[in-house]
Amino acid sequence: MYIISNADMSKAIEYIEMMIQVLTKTDLKTYNKKRMASILLRKLKAKQPLSQDSLSDDLKKRLRQK
């Protein structure tokens, strides 16, 4: 499991959406790549952003150190 910033999550979603749009070939490999990207996109969009208050004390300390 990884924790990324909300801004990075938005960028990742944007890049996956662009990848899906750019892949235009109709071969099986490209179809599967687009399908897997769509599944990942759906999962990422379903995630709820975390607030600082909902993090454990240990995670808050680690975020301050970076």
N, C-alpha and C. Protein backbone atom coordinates (compact mmCIF):
# COMPACT_ATOMS: atom_id res chain seq x y z
N MET A 1 0.84 -1.16 0.00
CA MET A 1 0.00 0.00 0.00
C MET A 1 0.90 1.23 0.00
N TYR A 2 0.48 2.22 -0.74
CA TYR A 2 1.22 3.47 -0.83
C TYR A 2 0.28 4.63 -0.53
N ILE A 3 0.84 5.66 0.03
CA ILE A 3 0.10 6.89 0.24
C ILE A 3 0.75 7.94 -0.64
N ILE A 4 -0.07 8.55 -1.50
CA ILE A 4 0.42 9.62 -2.36
C ILE A 4 -0.45 10.85 -2.12
N SER A 5 0.07 11.98 -2.49
CA SER A 5 -0.69 13.21 -2.28
C SER A 5 -1.91 13.24 -3.20
N ASN A 6 -2.88 14.04 -2.83
CA ASN A 6 -4.08 14.17 -3.64
C ASN A 6 -3.74 14.74 -5.03
N ALA A 7 -2.77 15.65 -5.08
CA ALA A 7 -2.36 16.23 -6.35
C ALA A 7 -1.73 15.16 -7.26
N ASP A 8 -0.88 14.31 -6.67
CA ASP A 8 -0.27 13.23 -7.45
C ASP A 8 -1.32 12.23 -7.94
N MET A 9 -2.32 11.99 -7.13
CA MET A 9 -3.41 11.08 -7.52
C MET A 9 -4.15 11.66 -8.72
N SER A 10 -4.42 12.96 -8.68
CA SER A 10 -5.11 13.61 -9.81
C SER A 10 -4.27 13.53 -11.08
N LYS A 11 -2.96 13.72 -10.94
CA LYS A 11 -2.07 13.64 -12.10
C LYS A 11 -2.05 12.22 -12.66
N ALA A 12 -2.00 11.22 -11.80
CA ALA A 12 -1.98 9.83 -12.25
C ALA A 12 -3.26 9.50 -13.01
N ILE A 13 -4.39 9.96 -12.50
CA ILE A 13 -5.67 9.74 -13.18
C ILE A 13 -5.67 10.42 -14.54
N GLU A 14 -5.16 11.64 -14.58
CA GLU A 14 -5.09 12.38 -15.84
C GLU A 14 -4.22 11.65 -16.86
N TYR A 15 -3.06 11.14 -16.44
CA TYR A 15 -2.16 10.44 -17.35
C TYR A 15 -2.77 9.14 -17.87
N ILE A 16 -3.47 8.43 -17.03
CA ILE A 16 -4.11 7.19 -17.47
C ILE A 16 -5.22 7.50 -18.47
N GLU A 17 -5.98 8.56 -18.22
CA GLU A 17 -7.03 8.97 -19.17
C GLU A 17 -6.42 9.33 -20.52
N MET A 18 -5.29 10.03 -20.50
CA MET A 18 -4.62 10.39 -21.75
C MET A 18 -4.12 9.15 -22.48
N MET A 19 -3.57 8.20 -21.73
CA MET A 19 -3.07 6.97 -22.33
C MET A 19 -4.20 6.22 -23.04
N ILE A 20 -5.35 6.15 -22.40
CA ILE A 20 -6.49 5.46 -23.01
C ILE A 20 -6.90 6.15 -24.31
N GLN A 21 -6.88 7.46 -24.32
CA GLN A 21 -7.27 8.20 -25.52
C GLN A 21 -6.25 8.05 -26.65
N VAL A 22 -4.97 7.97 -26.30
CA VAL A 22 -3.91 7.94 -27.30
C VAL A 22 -3.78 6.56 -27.96
N LEU A 23 -4.09 5.50 -27.23
CA LEU A 23 -3.98 4.16 -27.80
C LEU A 23 -5.10 3.96 -28.81
N THR A 24 -4.73 3.90 -30.09
CA THR A 24 -5.75 3.83 -31.15
C THR A 24 -5.70 2.54 -31.94
N LYS A 25 -4.66 1.74 -31.78
CA LYS A 25 -4.60 0.48 -32.53
C LYS A 25 -5.75 -0.44 -32.10
N THR A 26 -6.08 -1.36 -32.96
CA THR A 26 -7.20 -2.26 -32.66
C THR A 26 -6.75 -3.69 -32.41
N ASP A 27 -5.44 -3.91 -32.23
CA ASP A 27 -4.97 -5.27 -31.99
C ASP A 27 -5.28 -5.69 -30.55
N LEU A 28 -5.14 -6.96 -30.26
CA LEU A 28 -5.52 -7.53 -28.98
C LEU A 28 -4.70 -6.96 -27.81
N LYS A 29 -3.39 -6.77 -28.02
CA LYS A 29 -2.54 -6.23 -26.95
C LYS A 29 -2.98 -4.82 -26.55
N THR A 30 -3.26 -4.00 -27.53
CA THR A 30 -3.70 -2.63 -27.25
C THR A 30 -5.06 -2.64 -26.57
N TYR A 31 -5.96 -3.50 -27.03
CA TYR A 31 -7.28 -3.62 -26.40
C TYR A 31 -7.13 -3.98 -24.93
N ASN A 32 -6.26 -4.95 -24.63
CA ASN A 32 -6.06 -5.36 -23.24
C ASN A 32 -5.42 -4.27 -22.39
N LYS A 33 -4.49 -3.51 -22.98
CA LYS A 33 -3.88 -2.39 -22.25
C LYS A 33 -4.93 -1.35 -21.90
N LYS A 34 -5.79 -1.03 -22.86
CA LYS A 34 -6.84 -0.05 -22.61
C LYS A 34 -7.83 -0.57 -21.57
N ARG A 35 -8.16 -1.85 -21.64
CA ARG A 35 -9.08 -2.45 -20.69
C ARG A 35 -8.51 -2.40 -19.28
N MET A 36 -7.23 -2.79 -19.13
CA MET A 36 -6.60 -2.77 -17.81
C MET A 36 -6.46 -1.34 -17.29
N ALA A 37 -6.16 -0.41 -18.17
CA ALA A 37 -6.06 1.00 -17.76
C ALA A 37 -7.43 1.51 -17.31
N SER A 38 -8.47 1.10 -17.98
CA SER A 38 -9.83 1.52 -17.59
C SER A 38 -10.22 0.96 -16.24
N ILE A 39 -9.83 -0.27 -15.98
CA ILE A 39 -10.12 -0.89 -14.68
C ILE A 39 -9.36 -0.15 -13.58
N LEU A 40 -8.08 0.12 -13.81
CA LEU A 40 -7.28 0.87 -12.84
C LEU A 40 -7.86 2.26 -12.61
N LEU A 41 -8.27 2.91 -13.67
CA LEU A 41 -8.85 4.25 -13.57
C LEU A 41 -10.11 4.22 -12.71
N ARG A 42 -10.95 3.23 -12.93
CA ARG A 42 -12.18 3.10 -12.13
C ARG A 42 -11.85 2.91 -10.65
N LYS A 43 -10.83 2.09 -10.37
CA LYS A 43 -10.43 1.85 -8.97
C LYS A 43 -9.88 3.13 -8.33
N LEU A 44 -9.05 3.85 -9.08
CA LEU A 44 -8.46 5.07 -8.53
C LEU A 44 -9.51 6.14 -8.28
N LYS A 45 -10.47 6.26 -9.19
CA LYS A 45 -11.52 7.26 -9.02
C LYS A 45 -12.44 6.93 -7.85
N ALA A 46 -12.53 5.64 -7.50
CA ALA A 46 -13.39 5.23 -6.39
C ALA A 46 -12.75 5.51 -5.03
N LYS A 47 -11.44 5.73 -5.01
CA LYS A 47 -10.75 6.00 -3.75
C LYS A 47 -11.11 7.38 -3.23
N GLN A 48 -11.25 7.47 -1.93
CA GLN A 48 -11.57 8.75 -1.30
C GLN A 48 -10.28 9.39 -0.80
N PRO A 49 -10.11 10.69 -0.98
CA PRO A 49 -8.90 11.35 -0.48
C PRO A 49 -8.87 11.33 1.04
N LEU A 50 -7.67 11.22 1.58
CA LEU A 50 -7.49 11.24 3.03
C LEU A 50 -7.27 12.67 3.49
N SER A 51 -7.75 12.97 4.66
CA SER A 51 -7.45 14.26 5.25
C SER A 51 -6.33 14.06 6.26
N GLN A 52 -5.65 15.11 6.61
CA GLN A 52 -4.57 15.03 7.59
C GLN A 52 -5.08 14.50 8.93
N ASP A 53 -6.30 14.85 9.28
CA ASP A 53 -6.86 14.44 10.57
C ASP A 53 -7.09 12.93 10.66
N SER A 54 -7.34 12.28 9.52
CA SER A 54 -7.64 10.85 9.56
C SER A 54 -6.39 9.97 9.59
N LEU A 55 -5.21 10.56 9.43
CA LEU A 55 -3.97 9.79 9.45
C LEU A 55 -3.53 9.49 10.88
N SER A 56 -2.82 8.37 11.02
CA SER A 56 -2.29 8.03 12.34
C SER A 56 -1.15 8.98 12.69
N ASP A 57 -0.80 9.03 13.96
CA ASP A 57 0.28 9.92 14.41
C ASP A 57 1.60 9.56 13.74
N ASP A 58 1.85 8.26 13.56
CA ASP A 58 3.08 7.81 12.93
C ASP A 58 3.18 8.31 11.49
N LEU A 59 2.10 8.23 10.75
CA LEU A 59 2.10 8.72 9.37
C LEU A 59 2.28 10.24 9.31
N LYS A 60 1.67 10.95 10.23
CA LYS A 60 1.82 12.40 10.27
C LYS A 60 3.27 12.78 10.49
N LYS A 61 3.97 12.05 11.39
CA LYS A 61 5.38 12.33 11.65
C LYS A 61 6.21 12.07 10.40
N ARG A 62 5.92 10.97 9.70
CA ARG A 62 6.69 10.63 8.49
C ARG A 62 6.47 11.66 7.39
N LEU A 63 5.26 12.17 7.27
CA LEU A 63 4.98 13.17 6.24
C LEU A 63 5.71 14.48 6.55
N ARG A 64 5.82 14.83 7.81
CA ARG A 64 6.53 16.06 8.20
C ARG A 64 8.01 15.96 7.91
N GLN A 65 8.58 14.72 7.98
CA GLN A 65 10.00 14.53 7.77
C GLN A 65 10.41 14.70 6.31
N LYS A 66 9.49 14.49 5.39
CA LYS A 66 9.83 14.56 3.95
C LYS A 66 9.95 15.94 3.46
